[in-house]
N, C-alpha and C. Protein backbone atom coordinates (compact mmCIF):
# COMPACT_ATOMS: atom_id res chain seq x y z
N MET A 1 -8.17 77.17 -7.88
CA MET A 1 -8.92 75.31 -7.57
C MET A 1 -9.12 75.56 -6.10
N ALA A 2 -8.60 75.93 -5.27
CA ALA A 2 -8.98 75.97 -3.87
C ALA A 2 -10.28 76.92 -3.32
N LEU A 3 -10.57 77.74 -3.71
CA LEU A 3 -11.38 78.50 -3.54
C LEU A 3 -12.72 77.70 -3.60
N ARG A 4 -12.90 77.11 -5.41
CA ARG A 4 -13.85 76.58 -5.30
C ARG A 4 -14.15 75.62 -4.51
N ASP A 5 -13.15 74.65 -4.30
CA ASP A 5 -13.55 73.32 -3.62
C ASP A 5 -13.84 73.90 -2.48
N ASP A 6 -13.60 75.03 -1.60
CA ASP A 6 -13.77 75.79 -0.42
C ASP A 6 -14.89 76.46 -0.68
N LEU A 7 -15.79 76.70 -1.31
CA LEU A 7 -16.76 77.10 -1.98
C LEU A 7 -17.83 76.10 -2.19
N TYR A 8 -17.60 75.06 -2.86
CA TYR A 8 -18.47 74.20 -2.66
C TYR A 8 -18.57 73.34 -1.49
N GLY A 9 -17.64 73.07 -0.56
CA GLY A 9 -17.97 72.59 0.78
C GLY A 9 -18.66 73.11 1.38
N ASP A 10 -18.88 74.40 1.01
CA ASP A 10 -19.48 75.31 1.69
C ASP A 10 -21.18 74.79 1.40
N VAL A 11 -21.13 75.12 0.50
CA VAL A 11 -22.62 75.30 -0.28
C VAL A 11 -23.09 73.52 0.35
N LYS A 12 -21.92 72.60 0.43
CA LYS A 12 -22.85 71.12 0.69
C LYS A 12 -23.13 70.85 2.22
N SER A 13 -22.04 71.62 2.79
CA SER A 13 -22.77 71.50 4.05
C SER A 13 -23.79 72.41 4.75
N MET A 14 -23.91 74.01 4.08
CA MET A 14 -25.41 74.31 4.25
C MET A 14 -26.63 73.65 3.82
N LEU A 15 -26.39 73.07 2.42
CA LEU A 15 -27.60 72.11 2.16
C LEU A 15 -27.32 70.88 2.73
N THR A 16 -26.81 70.39 3.15
CA THR A 16 -26.62 69.40 4.19
C THR A 16 -27.53 69.46 5.90
N THR A 17 -27.26 69.89 6.43
CA THR A 17 -27.94 70.85 7.31
C THR A 17 -29.39 71.45 6.84
N ARG A 18 -29.70 72.29 6.44
CA ARG A 18 -30.90 72.74 5.91
C ARG A 18 -31.81 71.31 5.50
N CYS A 19 -31.19 70.89 4.62
CA CYS A 19 -32.51 69.88 3.90
C CYS A 19 -32.46 68.48 4.44
N GLY A 20 -30.94 67.95 5.65
CA GLY A 20 -31.66 66.58 6.06
C GLY A 20 -30.71 65.43 5.51
N VAL A 21 -29.84 66.25 4.09
CA VAL A 21 -29.69 65.27 3.17
C VAL A 21 -28.19 64.64 3.62
N ASP A 22 -27.56 63.49 3.08
CA ASP A 22 -26.10 63.18 3.18
C ASP A 22 -25.73 63.96 1.77
N GLU A 23 -24.33 64.30 2.44
CA GLU A 23 -23.50 65.23 1.49
C GLU A 23 -23.46 64.49 -0.19
N SER A 24 -23.61 63.24 0.04
CA SER A 24 -22.85 62.67 -0.75
C SER A 24 -24.39 62.81 -2.05
N GLN A 25 -25.13 63.04 -1.52
CA GLN A 25 -26.33 63.69 -2.81
C GLN A 25 -26.38 64.62 -2.94
N VAL A 26 -25.59 65.67 -2.77
CA VAL A 26 -25.17 66.41 -3.65
C VAL A 26 -23.85 66.91 -4.29
N THR A 27 -24.52 67.26 -5.66
CA THR A 27 -23.56 67.16 -6.48
C THR A 27 -23.65 68.48 -7.48
N GLU A 28 -23.19 68.98 -8.29
CA GLU A 28 -22.98 70.82 -8.80
C GLU A 28 -24.53 70.23 -9.45
N GLN A 29 -24.82 69.09 -10.03
CA GLN A 29 -26.08 68.99 -11.06
C GLN A 29 -27.62 68.76 -9.77
N THR A 30 -27.19 68.62 -8.92
CA THR A 30 -28.54 68.60 -7.98
C THR A 30 -29.37 69.65 -7.78
N ASP A 31 -30.24 69.62 -8.38
CA ASP A 31 -31.91 70.41 -8.73
C ASP A 31 -32.01 71.15 -6.89
N LEU A 32 -31.98 72.39 -6.55
CA LEU A 32 -32.14 73.03 -5.36
C LEU A 32 -33.91 72.35 -4.53
N PHE A 33 -34.60 72.74 -5.48
CA PHE A 33 -36.29 72.53 -5.57
C PHE A 33 -36.82 71.25 -5.69
N GLY A 34 -35.88 70.58 -7.07
CA GLY A 34 -36.71 69.46 -6.81
C GLY A 34 -36.50 68.02 -6.37
N GLN A 35 -35.17 68.38 -5.95
CA GLN A 35 -34.52 67.44 -5.17
C GLN A 35 -33.99 67.08 -4.03
N LEU A 36 -33.88 68.82 -3.41
CA LEU A 36 -33.85 68.82 -2.34
C LEU A 36 -34.86 69.43 -1.00
N GLY A 37 -36.23 70.26 -1.89
CA GLY A 37 -37.07 70.36 -1.25
C GLY A 37 -36.75 71.73 -1.07
N LEU A 38 -35.79 72.37 -1.02
CA LEU A 38 -35.52 74.27 -0.76
C LEU A 38 -36.59 75.08 -1.58
N ASP A 39 -37.35 75.95 -0.27
CA ASP A 39 -38.07 77.10 -0.64
C ASP A 39 -37.41 77.80 -1.23
N SER A 40 -37.77 79.24 -1.36
CA SER A 40 -37.31 80.48 -1.92
C SER A 40 -36.77 80.91 -0.79
N LEU A 41 -37.03 81.06 0.30
CA LEU A 41 -36.73 81.56 1.98
C LEU A 41 -35.68 80.82 2.02
N ASP A 42 -35.51 79.55 1.90
CA ASP A 42 -34.56 78.78 2.51
C ASP A 42 -32.98 79.01 1.19
N LEU A 43 -33.23 79.55 -0.08
CA LEU A 43 -31.95 79.52 -0.74
C LEU A 43 -31.74 81.46 -0.39
N ILE A 44 -32.86 82.39 0.00
CA ILE A 44 -32.34 83.61 0.49
C ILE A 44 -31.52 83.59 2.04
N GLY A 45 -31.70 82.47 2.73
CA GLY A 45 -30.90 82.70 3.53
C GLY A 45 -29.79 82.26 3.36
N MET A 46 -29.35 81.06 2.41
CA MET A 46 -28.37 80.69 2.21
C MET A 46 -27.38 82.19 1.47
N ALA A 47 -27.91 82.67 0.43
CA ALA A 47 -27.33 83.40 -0.24
C ALA A 47 -27.02 84.71 0.87
N GLN A 48 -27.49 84.74 1.48
CA GLN A 48 -26.89 86.12 2.89
C GLN A 48 -26.11 85.83 3.76
N ALA A 49 -25.77 84.07 4.22
CA ALA A 49 -24.55 83.38 4.42
C ALA A 49 -23.47 83.56 3.41
N LEU A 50 -23.61 82.98 2.24
CA LEU A 50 -22.43 83.21 1.22
C LEU A 50 -22.11 84.59 0.69
N GLN A 51 -22.83 85.47 0.96
CA GLN A 51 -23.12 86.78 0.80
C GLN A 51 -21.93 87.54 1.84
N HIS A 52 -21.76 87.16 3.06
CA HIS A 52 -21.10 87.74 4.27
C HIS A 52 -19.87 87.08 4.08
N LYS A 53 -19.73 85.77 3.69
CA LYS A 53 -18.70 85.08 3.77
C LYS A 53 -17.62 85.30 2.59
N TYR A 54 -18.26 84.96 1.61
CA TYR A 54 -17.69 85.21 0.23
C TYR A 54 -17.48 86.81 -0.32
N THR A 55 -18.01 88.03 0.58
CA THR A 55 -18.20 88.98 -0.05
C THR A 55 -18.73 89.82 -1.43
N VAL A 56 -19.88 88.94 -1.83
CA VAL A 56 -20.63 88.50 -2.86
C VAL A 56 -21.80 89.44 -2.71
N ARG A 57 -22.80 89.93 -3.91
CA ARG A 57 -23.96 90.30 -3.22
C ARG A 57 -24.71 89.50 -4.66
N LEU A 58 -25.88 88.78 -3.87
CA LEU A 58 -26.46 87.83 -4.64
C LEU A 58 -28.41 88.47 -4.16
N ASP A 59 -28.86 89.68 -5.41
CA ASP A 59 -29.90 90.10 -5.65
C ASP A 59 -31.63 89.11 -5.40
N ASN A 60 -32.25 89.90 -5.43
CA ASN A 60 -33.42 89.11 -5.82
C ASN A 60 -33.14 88.51 -7.44
N GLU A 61 -33.08 89.61 -8.25
CA GLU A 61 -33.05 88.82 -9.61
C GLU A 61 -31.92 87.57 -9.81
N ALA A 62 -30.81 88.21 -8.75
CA ALA A 62 -30.03 86.80 -9.28
C ALA A 62 -30.18 85.38 -8.90
N ILE A 63 -31.05 85.73 -7.66
CA ILE A 63 -31.13 84.47 -6.48
C ILE A 63 -32.38 83.66 -7.18
N ALA A 64 -33.25 84.37 -8.27
CA ALA A 64 -34.44 83.66 -8.99
C ALA A 64 -33.85 83.12 -10.60
N GLU A 65 -32.48 82.95 -10.43
CA GLU A 65 -31.82 82.43 -11.81
C GLU A 65 -30.99 81.53 -11.33
N ILE A 66 -31.06 81.41 -9.84
CA ILE A 66 -30.46 79.84 -9.36
C ILE A 66 -31.24 78.98 -9.11
N HIS A 67 -31.14 77.12 -9.81
CA HIS A 67 -31.37 76.98 -9.81
C HIS A 67 -30.99 75.42 -8.93
N THR A 68 -29.22 75.11 -9.55
CA THR A 68 -28.71 74.06 -9.20
C THR A 68 -27.45 74.49 -8.14
N VAL A 69 -26.94 73.52 -7.69
CA VAL A 69 -26.05 73.76 -6.47
C VAL A 69 -24.70 74.17 -7.28
N GLY A 70 -24.82 73.95 -9.06
CA GLY A 70 -23.76 74.04 -9.59
C GLY A 70 -23.82 75.42 -10.49
N ASP A 71 -24.88 76.18 -10.33
CA ASP A 71 -25.58 77.34 -10.34
C ASP A 71 -24.82 78.64 -9.29
N ILE A 72 -25.47 78.10 -8.25
CA ILE A 72 -24.82 79.04 -6.99
C ILE A 72 -23.07 79.04 -7.35
N LEU A 73 -22.43 78.15 -7.45
CA LEU A 73 -21.01 77.95 -7.52
C LEU A 73 -20.89 79.01 -8.81
N ALA A 74 -21.11 78.67 -9.73
CA ALA A 74 -20.97 80.07 -10.56
C ALA A 74 -21.18 81.57 -10.72
N PHE A 75 -22.20 81.22 -9.98
CA PHE A 75 -22.33 82.77 -9.72
C PHE A 75 -21.21 83.77 -8.74
N VAL A 76 -21.20 82.54 -7.26
CA VAL A 76 -20.08 83.37 -6.96
C VAL A 76 -19.19 83.32 -7.30
N LEU A 77 -18.41 82.87 -7.68
CA LEU A 77 -17.19 82.55 -8.49
C LEU A 77 -17.01 83.93 -9.56
N ASN A 78 -18.36 83.84 -10.26
CA ASN A 78 -18.28 84.93 -11.17
C ASN A 78 -17.99 86.72 -10.62
N GLN A 79 -18.64 86.25 -9.70
CA GLN A 79 -18.71 87.51 -8.47
C GLN A 79 -17.94 87.75 -8.38
N MET A 80 -16.84 87.23 -7.21
CA MET A 80 -15.47 87.23 -6.83
C MET A 80 -14.97 87.90 -8.04
N SER A 81 -14.89 86.85 -9.27
CA SER A 81 -13.92 87.42 -10.35
C SER A 81 -13.55 89.03 -10.77
N GLU A 82 -15.47 89.01 -11.07
CA GLU A 82 -15.54 90.42 -11.84
C GLU A 82 -15.55 91.65 -10.60
N GLY A 83 -15.41 91.31 -8.93
CA GLY A 83 -15.50 91.98 -7.97
C GLY A 83 -16.89 93.10 -8.19
N VAL A 84 -17.30 93.39 -6.96
CA VAL A 84 -18.80 93.67 -6.83
C VAL A 84 -18.92 94.99 -6.74
N GLU A 85 -19.34 95.59 -7.31
CA GLU A 85 -19.65 97.17 -7.39
C GLU A 85 -21.04 97.83 -6.62
N SER A 86 -20.20 98.68 -6.06
CA SER A 86 -21.52 99.02 -4.55
C SER A 86 -22.64 99.70 -5.02
């Protein structure tokens, strides 16, 4: 559970910095594009930061499926539990 909490905190921090919103506005159901106004380049930048910190691979296909904060959490945690194939 601590890993999930750390990841959630990191994602919230990235989003508050990129979008200029209060952390209280970011929940797992928050729509990254509709509610926070992210664009695909913002999401790619976040994906790169998460890949570096959590040693996961977020390819373009995976990024295209991410729409909410919960989607990010689920994908990264799933990658970590399965291990990333090189």
